[in-house]
Amino acid sequence: MASLDSEESERRLVFDGRKLFLGSAIVALVGWLAVAIGWAIATVDTYVGYLTAFAFVTSIALGGLIFLMITYVVRARWNVVVRRLNEAITSVFPVLAVLFVPLAFGLDHLYVWVSGTGLSSEAAELLEHKRPYLNVPFFIGRTALYFAVWIVVAFLLRHWSLARDREAPTGAAPEYDRERTLSSALLPIVALALTFAAFDWLMSLQPLWYSTIFGVYYFAGGFVASLGLLTVLAFAARRSIPGEPWIRPPHFHALGRLMLGFTVFWAYIAFFQVLLIQIANKPEEVEFYVERTRHGWGAVAALLFFGRFVLPFFVLLLRSIKFDGKLMAIVGGWIVVLHYVDVFWLVAPSHATHGPIPNVWDLAALAAVGGTTVAFGAFLLRGKAMVPVNDPALLQSIEYRSPL
């Protein structure tokens, strides 16, 4: 087994990150140039693509943050070897807060409650009753509050974890008292902020439609995608660390079990949201699904059902696959891609000019937002150990065995 007290071993674990940073920065630069052109010649489509990319990336960061907090609350040990990678996913909230700024200047292109265009007199009257909540200053203020909460929690958990790397190992059993107290106290607040962010950014695209579990749906998709991304990062880290493996098949099996469980949870929430709306059969409620099952969008819904649920479900049922890091990385990457399709399906149909296939402006926005976020995360991780080398629970994590 890998030595925990060797300086040479610690040096092998340091993340270089220059190639990742440079590559993602180039992708981001090309994306931003294309987005700038898009804002000039295809403003609405570009803002739709930008909101999709922003909501997609933010949901994954939120899923990673909630997963990290939960592991502290339940005193998990198996995840210690992938905790630094998990922290890398959650470290990007400051740049995401900055990336929201362009959206703040394009609200009238995205939200009818801002522009008021295309509204019937009846719809306009109904929206007046929502004006105390749906107004631009309050919308931006709420978003600032959401990011303030997420940034503080993610920063403190990462800061305490990195500080432990600089301490001499004591051999004492870790208690994580600060982390557990913070996570236990603020997990409900983080979840509420996520829920209202989903209402604000996505559900208010059709402001007369509502679903009380929409925030849970947004969380479930982002949570599974964050586990998928963590699996991809874990496989990449395993390949890049020479010598004996620190991240082993049982860790991929644990991540696979979680992905399986929350894939089912995502499908459960999606199904019951549809079922309850169909049972109620109210015009203002069915409008959401009418828009997302015609003009080609029904094919996207079918892709989500089979590609986002059926395929991962049956693949992840196989125990042997969950022990194979390479196959799990492929499954994790697939889930991340289909999560983007899911967010695209939530956003784009609210604008009649947008078809069911992502266009060049969607891809440009994804490159800009995704590339910037990855570059920022790689920059923060550069020079840091890919595993928390002085964490007293590291040996327990390395020796983790999956239950039968």
Protein backbone atom coordinates (compact mmCIF):
# COMPACT_ATOMS: atom_id res chain seq x y z
CA MET A 1 0.00 0.00 0.00
CA ALA A 2 1.15 3.57 -0.68
CA SER A 3 3.26 5.15 2.02
CA LEU A 4 1.61 8.05 3.78
CA ASP A 5 4.69 9.56 5.44
CA SER A 6 7.08 9.73 2.52
CA GLU A 7 8.01 13.17 1.22
CA GLU A 8 8.59 11.64 -2.21
CA SER A 9 5.09 10.19 -2.07
CA GLU A 10 3.65 13.60 -1.25
CA ARG A 11 5.50 15.18 -4.17
CA ARG A 12 4.02 12.60 -6.52
CA LEU A 13 0.55 13.68 -5.43
CA VAL A 14 1.00 17.38 -6.25
CA PHE A 15 -1.26 18.53 -9.07
CA ASP A 16 0.60 20.30 -11.86
CA GLY A 17 -2.41 21.49 -13.85
CA ARG A 18 -0.57 23.59 -16.43
CA LYS A 19 -1.91 21.66 -19.41
CA LEU A 20 -5.45 21.61 -18.05
CA PHE A 21 -5.35 25.31 -17.23
CA LEU A 22 -3.91 26.27 -20.61
CA GLY A 23 -6.28 24.03 -22.57
CA SER A 24 -9.40 25.21 -20.76
CA ALA A 25 -8.27 28.85 -20.98
CA ILE A 26 -7.94 28.54 -24.76
CA VAL A 27 -11.39 26.95 -24.98
CA ALA A 28 -12.79 29.76 -22.83
CA LEU A 29 -11.15 32.46 -24.95
CA VAL A 30 -12.56 31.02 -28.18
CA GLY A 31 -15.94 30.65 -26.50
CA TRP A 32 -15.99 34.24 -25.26
CA LEU A 33 -15.08 35.57 -28.71
CA ALA A 34 -17.96 33.59 -30.21
CA VAL A 35 -20.34 34.69 -27.44
CA ALA A 36 -19.43 38.33 -28.07
CA ILE A 37 -20.32 37.87 -31.73
CA GLY A 38 -23.52 36.09 -30.75
CA TRP A 39 -24.64 38.90 -28.47
CA ALA A 40 -24.23 41.23 -31.43
CA ILE A 41 -26.04 39.23 -34.13
CA ALA A 42 -28.18 36.61 -32.31
CA THR A 43 -28.81 38.16 -28.92
CA VAL A 44 -31.69 36.04 -27.67
CA ASP A 45 -30.26 32.70 -28.79
CA THR A 46 -26.91 33.57 -27.24
CA TYR A 47 -28.47 34.51 -23.91
CA VAL A 48 -30.49 31.28 -23.95
CA GLY A 49 -27.28 29.32 -24.50
CA TYR A 50 -25.49 31.32 -21.83
CA LEU A 51 -28.21 30.71 -19.22
CA THR A 52 -28.18 27.01 -20.09
CA ALA A 53 -24.41 26.77 -19.66
CA PHE A 54 -24.47 28.83 -16.47
CA ALA A 55 -27.27 26.81 -14.84
CA PHE A 56 -25.60 23.55 -15.94
CA VAL A 57 -22.18 24.36 -14.46
CA THR A 58 -23.63 25.89 -11.29
CA SER A 59 -25.81 22.84 -10.64
CA ILE A 60 -22.76 20.58 -10.74
CA ALA A 61 -20.84 22.82 -8.33
CA LEU A 62 -23.87 22.81 -6.02
CA GLY A 63 -24.17 19.04 -6.22
CA GLY A 64 -20.50 18.75 -5.27
CA LEU A 65 -20.92 21.15 -2.36
CA ILE A 66 -23.94 19.29 -0.96
CA PHE A 67 -22.14 15.96 -1.32
CA LEU A 68 -19.09 17.33 0.51
CA MET A 69 -21.26 18.70 3.33
CA ILE A 70 -23.17 15.43 3.67
CA THR A 71 -19.95 13.41 4.00
CA TYR A 72 -18.93 15.62 6.93
CA VAL A 73 -22.36 15.39 8.56
CA VAL A 74 -22.39 11.57 8.46
CA ARG A 75 -18.65 11.32 9.33
CA ALA A 76 -17.83 9.43 6.14
CA ARG A 77 -14.25 8.17 5.75
CA TRP A 78 -14.26 6.33 2.42
CA ASN A 79 -14.36 9.57 0.43
CA VAL A 80 -11.20 11.14 1.90
CA VAL A 81 -9.05 10.12 -1.09
CA VAL A 82 -11.39 11.97 -3.47
CA ARG A 83 -12.16 14.88 -1.13
CA ARG A 84 -9.59 17.23 -2.69
CA LEU A 85 -11.13 16.58 -6.12
CA ASN A 86 -14.57 17.20 -4.62
CA GLU A 87 -13.27 20.49 -3.21
CA ALA A 88 -11.97 21.43 -6.65
CA ILE A 89 -15.54 21.14 -7.97
CA THR A 90 -16.86 23.36 -5.16
CA SER A 91 -14.09 25.96 -5.39
CA VAL A 92 -15.52 27.62 -8.51
CA PHE A 93 -18.36 29.61 -6.94
CA PRO A 94 -16.46 32.93 -6.97
CA VAL A 95 -15.99 32.76 -10.74
CA LEU A 96 -19.58 31.62 -11.22
CA ALA A 97 -20.73 34.70 -9.30
CA VAL A 98 -18.78 36.84 -11.78
CA LEU A 99 -20.18 34.85 -14.70
CA PHE A 100 -23.69 35.78 -13.59
CA VAL A 101 -22.99 39.45 -14.38
CA PRO A 102 -23.62 39.12 -18.16
CA LEU A 103 -26.97 37.52 -17.37
CA ALA A 104 -27.90 40.51 -15.23
CA PHE A 105 -27.54 42.71 -18.31
CA GLY A 106 -29.68 40.41 -20.46
CA LEU A 107 -32.68 39.69 -18.25
CA ASP A 108 -35.07 41.41 -20.64
CA HIS A 109 -33.98 39.00 -23.41
CA LEU A 110 -34.72 35.95 -21.27
CA TYR A 111 -37.62 36.66 -18.94
CA VAL A 112 -41.03 37.88 -20.05
CA TRP A 113 -41.71 39.23 -16.57
CA VAL A 114 -38.92 41.74 -17.29
CA SER A 115 -39.67 42.63 -20.92
CA GLY A 116 -43.46 42.17 -20.84
CA THR A 117 -43.43 41.29 -24.54
CA GLY A 118 -45.92 38.80 -25.94
CA LEU A 119 -48.10 38.76 -22.84
CA SER A 120 -51.86 38.74 -23.01
CA SER A 121 -53.72 41.24 -20.85
CA GLU A 122 -54.78 38.41 -18.54
CA ALA A 123 -51.19 37.15 -18.16
CA ALA A 124 -49.93 40.67 -17.54
CA GLU A 125 -52.53 41.13 -14.82
CA LEU A 126 -51.54 37.87 -13.15
CA LEU A 127 -47.88 38.86 -13.27
CA GLU A 128 -48.65 42.09 -11.46
CA HIS A 129 -49.51 40.02 -8.40
CA LYS A 130 -46.03 38.45 -8.57
CA ARG A 131 -44.27 41.79 -9.03
CA PRO A 132 -43.16 42.09 -5.37
CA TYR A 133 -41.07 38.95 -5.93
CA LEU A 134 -40.38 39.05 -9.67
CA ASN A 135 -38.59 42.35 -10.10
CA VAL A 136 -35.05 42.95 -11.29
CA PRO A 137 -33.45 44.49 -8.14
CA PHE A 138 -34.82 41.75 -5.88
CA PHE A 139 -33.87 39.06 -8.44
CA ILE A 140 -30.24 40.24 -8.55
CA GLY A 141 -30.15 40.73 -4.78
CA ARG A 142 -31.36 37.18 -4.17
CA THR A 143 -28.73 35.79 -6.54
CA ALA A 144 -26.02 37.74 -4.70
CA LEU A 145 -27.25 36.24 -1.43
CA TYR A 146 -27.25 32.71 -2.86
CA PHE A 147 -23.66 33.03 -4.02
CA ALA A 148 -22.57 34.61 -0.75
CA VAL A 149 -23.82 31.53 1.13
CA TRP A 150 -22.27 29.05 -1.31
CA ILE A 151 -18.93 30.85 -1.50
CA VAL A 152 -18.52 31.12 2.28
CA VAL A 153 -19.37 27.45 2.92
CA ALA A 154 -17.20 26.12 0.09
CA PHE A 155 -14.29 28.39 1.04
CA LEU A 156 -14.30 27.40 4.72
CA LEU A 157 -14.48 23.66 4.05
CA ARG A 158 -11.67 23.85 1.51
CA HIS A 159 -9.58 26.19 3.68
CA TRP A 160 -9.77 23.88 6.69
CA SER A 161 -8.94 20.87 4.55
CA LEU A 162 -5.88 22.55 3.00
CA ALA A 163 -4.76 23.77 6.42
CA ARG A 164 -4.73 20.19 7.63
CA ASP A 165 -2.29 19.34 4.81
CA ARG A 166 0.21 21.78 6.31
CA GLU A 167 -0.03 20.21 9.75
CA ALA A 168 2.05 17.30 10.98
CA PRO A 169 0.03 14.06 11.12
CA THR A 170 -1.02 13.28 14.68
CA GLY A 171 -2.39 9.79 14.16
CA ALA A 172 -5.44 10.72 16.23
CA ALA A 173 -8.87 9.83 15.00
CA PRO A 174 -10.28 12.78 13.06
CA GLU A 175 -13.38 14.42 14.42
CA TYR A 176 -13.92 17.18 11.83
CA ASP A 177 -15.81 19.13 14.49
CA ARG A 178 -15.67 22.46 12.65
CA GLU A 179 -16.59 20.93 9.32
CA ARG A 180 -19.41 18.87 10.79
CA THR A 181 -20.87 21.78 12.75
CA LEU A 182 -20.76 24.10 9.75
CA SER A 183 -22.22 21.51 7.39
CA SER A 184 -24.98 20.48 9.78
CA ALA A 185 -26.01 24.07 10.44
CA LEU A 186 -25.84 25.39 6.88
CA LEU A 187 -26.89 22.41 4.77
CA PRO A 188 -30.58 23.43 4.96
CA ILE A 189 -29.67 27.01 4.01
CA VAL A 190 -27.54 25.86 1.08
CA ALA A 191 -30.41 23.64 -0.08
CA LEU A 192 -32.94 26.46 0.23
CA ALA A 193 -30.67 28.79 -1.72
CA LEU A 194 -30.39 26.15 -4.44
CA THR A 195 -34.17 25.71 -4.53
CA PHE A 196 -34.90 29.41 -4.88
CA ALA A 197 -32.12 29.79 -7.45
CA ALA A 198 -33.86 27.12 -9.54
CA PHE A 199 -37.15 29.01 -9.18
CA ASP A 200 -35.52 32.31 -10.13
CA TRP A 201 -33.22 31.32 -12.97
CA LEU A 202 -35.23 28.55 -14.63
CA MET A 203 -38.83 28.30 -13.47
CA SER A 204 -39.46 32.02 -13.91
CA LEU A 205 -38.72 31.64 -17.63
CA GLN A 206 -42.42 30.74 -17.70
CA PRO A 207 -43.58 32.85 -14.74
CA LEU A 208 -47.19 31.67 -14.71
CA TRP A 209 -46.08 28.04 -14.37
CA TYR A 210 -45.00 26.61 -11.05
CA SER A 211 -43.97 23.36 -9.42
CA THR A 212 -43.07 23.04 -5.76
CA ILE A 213 -40.58 20.23 -6.48
CA PHE A 214 -38.83 21.97 -9.35
CA GLY A 215 -35.90 22.86 -7.08
CA VAL A 216 -35.57 19.21 -6.04
CA TYR A 217 -35.51 18.21 -9.71
CA TYR A 218 -32.74 20.73 -10.42
CA PHE A 219 -30.80 19.50 -7.37
CA ALA A 220 -31.17 15.82 -8.28
CA GLY A 221 -29.80 16.32 -11.78
CA GLY A 222 -26.86 18.41 -10.61
CA PHE A 223 -26.08 16.02 -7.76
CA VAL A 224 -25.81 12.98 -10.04
CA ALA A 225 -23.78 14.99 -12.55
CA SER A 226 -21.39 16.11 -9.81
CA LEU A 227 -20.85 12.47 -8.84
CA GLY A 228 -20.24 11.68 -12.51
CA LEU A 229 -17.68 14.49 -12.79
CA LEU A 230 -16.03 13.40 -9.53
CA THR A 231 -15.71 9.88 -10.96
CA VAL A 232 -14.06 11.23 -14.12
CA LEU A 233 -11.63 13.31 -12.02
CA ALA A 234 -10.90 10.34 -9.76
CA PHE A 235 -10.02 8.16 -12.74
CA ALA A 236 -7.80 10.88 -14.19
CA ALA A 237 -6.09 11.36 -10.83
CA ARG A 238 -5.58 7.61 -10.43
CA ARG A 239 -3.85 7.47 -13.82
CA SER A 240 -1.68 10.51 -13.12
CA ILE A 241 -0.35 9.33 -9.74
CA PRO A 242 2.60 6.95 -10.25
CA GLY A 243 3.22 4.05 -7.95
CA GLU A 244 0.63 2.21 -5.92
CA PRO A 245 -2.98 3.34 -6.36
CA TRP A 246 -4.52 5.65 -3.80
CA ILE A 247 -7.91 5.71 -5.49
CA ARG A 248 -8.95 2.09 -5.79
CA PRO A 249 -11.82 0.06 -7.32
CA PRO A 250 -13.88 0.14 -4.08
CA HIS A 251 -13.98 3.94 -4.30
CA PHE A 252 -15.37 3.76 -7.83
CA HIS A 253 -17.86 1.20 -6.60
CA ALA A 254 -19.00 3.58 -3.85
CA LEU A 255 -19.40 6.42 -6.34
CA GLY A 256 -21.27 4.09 -8.67
CA ARG A 257 -23.71 3.08 -5.96
CA LEU A 258 -24.45 6.72 -5.27
CA MET A 259 -24.89 7.47 -8.97
CA LEU A 260 -27.30 4.56 -9.29
CA GLY A 261 -29.36 5.64 -6.29
CA PHE A 262 -29.61 9.27 -7.32
CA THR A 263 -30.29 8.40 -10.95
CA VAL A 264 -33.38 6.63 -9.65
CA PHE A 265 -34.15 9.63 -7.43
CA TRP A 266 -33.88 12.03 -10.39
CA ALA A 267 -36.23 9.84 -12.42
CA TYR A 268 -38.62 9.56 -9.48
CA ILE A 269 -38.88 13.34 -9.09
CA ALA A 270 -39.24 13.83 -12.86
CA PHE A 271 -42.00 11.20 -13.07
CA PHE A 272 -44.05 12.47 -10.15
CA GLN A 273 -43.81 16.06 -11.30
CA VAL A 274 -45.31 14.97 -14.63
CA LEU A 275 -47.86 12.70 -12.94
CA LEU A 276 -49.16 15.31 -10.51
CA ILE A 277 -49.47 17.95 -13.21
CA GLN A 278 -51.28 15.52 -15.49
CA ILE A 279 -53.69 14.54 -12.72
CA ALA A 280 -54.47 18.18 -11.93
CA ASN A 281 -54.88 18.94 -15.65
CA LYS A 282 -54.78 22.72 -15.17
CA PRO A 283 -53.98 24.75 -18.30
CA GLU A 284 -51.43 26.93 -16.51
CA GLU A 285 -49.59 23.81 -15.29
CA VAL A 286 -49.60 21.62 -18.42
CA GLU A 287 -48.21 24.51 -20.49
CA PHE A 288 -44.69 23.62 -19.35
CA TYR A 289 -44.85 20.11 -20.78
CA VAL A 290 -46.79 21.12 -23.87
CA GLU A 291 -43.89 23.36 -24.84
CA ARG A 292 -41.39 20.55 -24.19
CA THR A 293 -43.11 17.77 -26.13
CA ARG A 294 -43.82 19.44 -29.48
CA HIS A 295 -41.76 20.93 -32.33
CA GLY A 296 -39.13 18.23 -31.88
CA TRP A 297 -38.72 18.64 -28.14
CA GLY A 298 -40.48 15.32 -27.53
CA ALA A 299 -37.42 13.57 -29.01
CA VAL A 300 -35.23 15.35 -26.44
CA ALA A 301 -37.57 14.21 -23.66
CA ALA A 302 -37.28 10.63 -24.97
CA LEU A 303 -33.49 10.94 -25.07
CA LEU A 304 -33.52 12.03 -21.44
CA PHE A 305 -35.71 9.11 -20.43
CA PHE A 306 -33.61 6.46 -22.16
CA GLY A 307 -30.19 8.10 -21.99
CA ARG A 308 -30.41 9.82 -18.62
CA PHE A 309 -32.29 7.10 -16.76
CA VAL A 310 -32.75 3.73 -18.49
CA LEU A 311 -29.20 3.28 -19.82
CA PRO A 312 -27.30 4.42 -16.68
CA PHE A 313 -29.71 2.48 -14.48
CA PHE A 314 -29.10 -0.89 -16.13
CA VAL A 315 -25.38 -0.28 -16.59
CA LEU A 316 -24.89 0.73 -12.96
CA LEU A 317 -26.83 -2.29 -11.74
CA LEU A 318 -23.84 -4.43 -12.77
CA ARG A 319 -21.46 -4.78 -9.85
CA SER A 320 -18.45 -5.58 -12.04
CA ILE A 321 -18.77 -2.30 -13.96
CA LYS A 322 -18.81 -0.26 -10.77
CA PHE A 323 -15.39 -1.68 -9.84
CA ASP A 324 -13.86 -0.69 -13.18
CA GLY A 325 -12.53 2.86 -12.96
CA LYS A 326 -12.35 3.36 -16.74
CA LEU A 327 -15.91 2.19 -17.34
CA MET A 328 -17.16 4.26 -14.41
CA ALA A 329 -15.44 7.34 -15.85
CA ILE A 330 -17.25 6.73 -19.14
CA VAL A 331 -20.58 6.38 -17.33
CA GLY A 332 -19.86 9.50 -15.28
CA GLY A 333 -18.96 11.50 -18.38
CA TRP A 334 -22.13 10.31 -20.12
CA ILE A 335 -24.25 11.45 -17.18
CA VAL A 336 -22.60 14.88 -17.24
CA VAL A 337 -23.34 15.26 -20.97
CA LEU A 338 -26.97 14.18 -20.54
CA HIS A 339 -27.35 16.57 -17.63
CA TYR A 340 -26.49 19.39 -20.00
CA VAL A 341 -29.20 18.10 -22.34
CA ASP A 342 -31.59 18.11 -19.39
CA VAL A 343 -30.84 21.75 -18.51
CA PHE A 344 -31.05 22.67 -22.20
CA TRP A 345 -34.50 21.02 -22.30
CA LEU A 346 -35.55 23.12 -19.30
CA VAL A 347 -34.35 26.44 -20.73
CA ALA A 348 -34.52 26.55 -24.52
CA PRO A 349 -38.21 25.66 -25.19
CA SER A 350 -39.26 28.80 -23.31
CA HIS A 351 -38.12 30.74 -26.40
CA ALA A 352 -40.03 29.77 -29.52
CA THR A 353 -37.17 30.75 -31.84
CA HIS A 354 -34.92 28.02 -30.44
CA GLY A 355 -35.04 24.49 -31.86
CA PRO A 356 -34.32 21.19 -30.09
CA ILE A 357 -30.73 20.94 -31.34
CA PRO A 358 -28.03 23.08 -29.67
CA ASN A 359 -26.77 25.72 -32.09
CA VAL A 360 -23.38 27.38 -32.40
CA TRP A 361 -24.29 30.01 -29.77
CA ASP A 362 -25.20 27.31 -27.24
CA LEU A 363 -21.85 25.61 -27.81
CA ALA A 364 -20.00 28.93 -27.66
CA ALA A 365 -21.62 29.75 -24.31
CA LEU A 366 -20.80 26.29 -22.97
CA ALA A 367 -17.16 26.73 -24.03
CA ALA A 368 -17.01 30.19 -22.44
CA VAL A 369 -18.64 29.29 -19.12
CA GLY A 370 -17.28 25.76 -18.87
CA GLY A 371 -13.77 26.68 -20.00
CA THR A 372 -13.56 29.62 -17.61
CA THR A 373 -14.79 27.52 -14.70
CA VAL A 374 -12.41 24.63 -15.38
CA ALA A 375 -9.47 27.02 -15.79
CA PHE A 376 -10.31 28.68 -12.48
CA GLY A 377 -10.63 25.33 -10.68
CA ALA A 378 -7.35 24.07 -12.19
CA PHE A 379 -5.60 27.28 -11.15
CA LEU A 380 -6.75 26.91 -7.53
CA LEU A 381 -5.76 23.23 -7.39
CA ARG A 382 -2.34 23.74 -9.00
CA GLY A 383 0.49 22.98 -6.59
CA LYS A 384 -1.86 21.26 -4.13
CA ALA A 385 -1.89 17.57 -3.28
CA MET A 386 -4.60 15.64 -5.11
CA VAL A 387 -5.40 13.82 -1.90
CA PRO A 388 -5.38 15.29 1.65
CA VAL A 389 -2.03 13.80 2.63
CA ASN A 390 -2.09 14.61 6.34
CA ASP A 391 -5.68 13.75 7.02
CA PRO A 392 -5.77 11.17 9.84
CA ALA A 393 -8.55 9.30 8.05
CA LEU A 394 -6.58 8.90 4.81
CA LEU A 395 -5.34 5.41 5.63
CA GLN A 396 -8.89 4.31 6.47
CA SER A 397 -10.02 5.69 3.14
CA ILE A 398 -7.26 3.98 1.16
CA GLU A 399 -8.07 0.65 2.80
CA TYR A 400 -11.80 1.04 2.25
CA ARG A 401 -13.60 -2.14 1.23
CA SER A 402 -16.98 -2.19 -0.46
CA PRO A 403 -19.81 -4.05 1.28
CA LEU A 404 -20.99 -7.23 -0.35
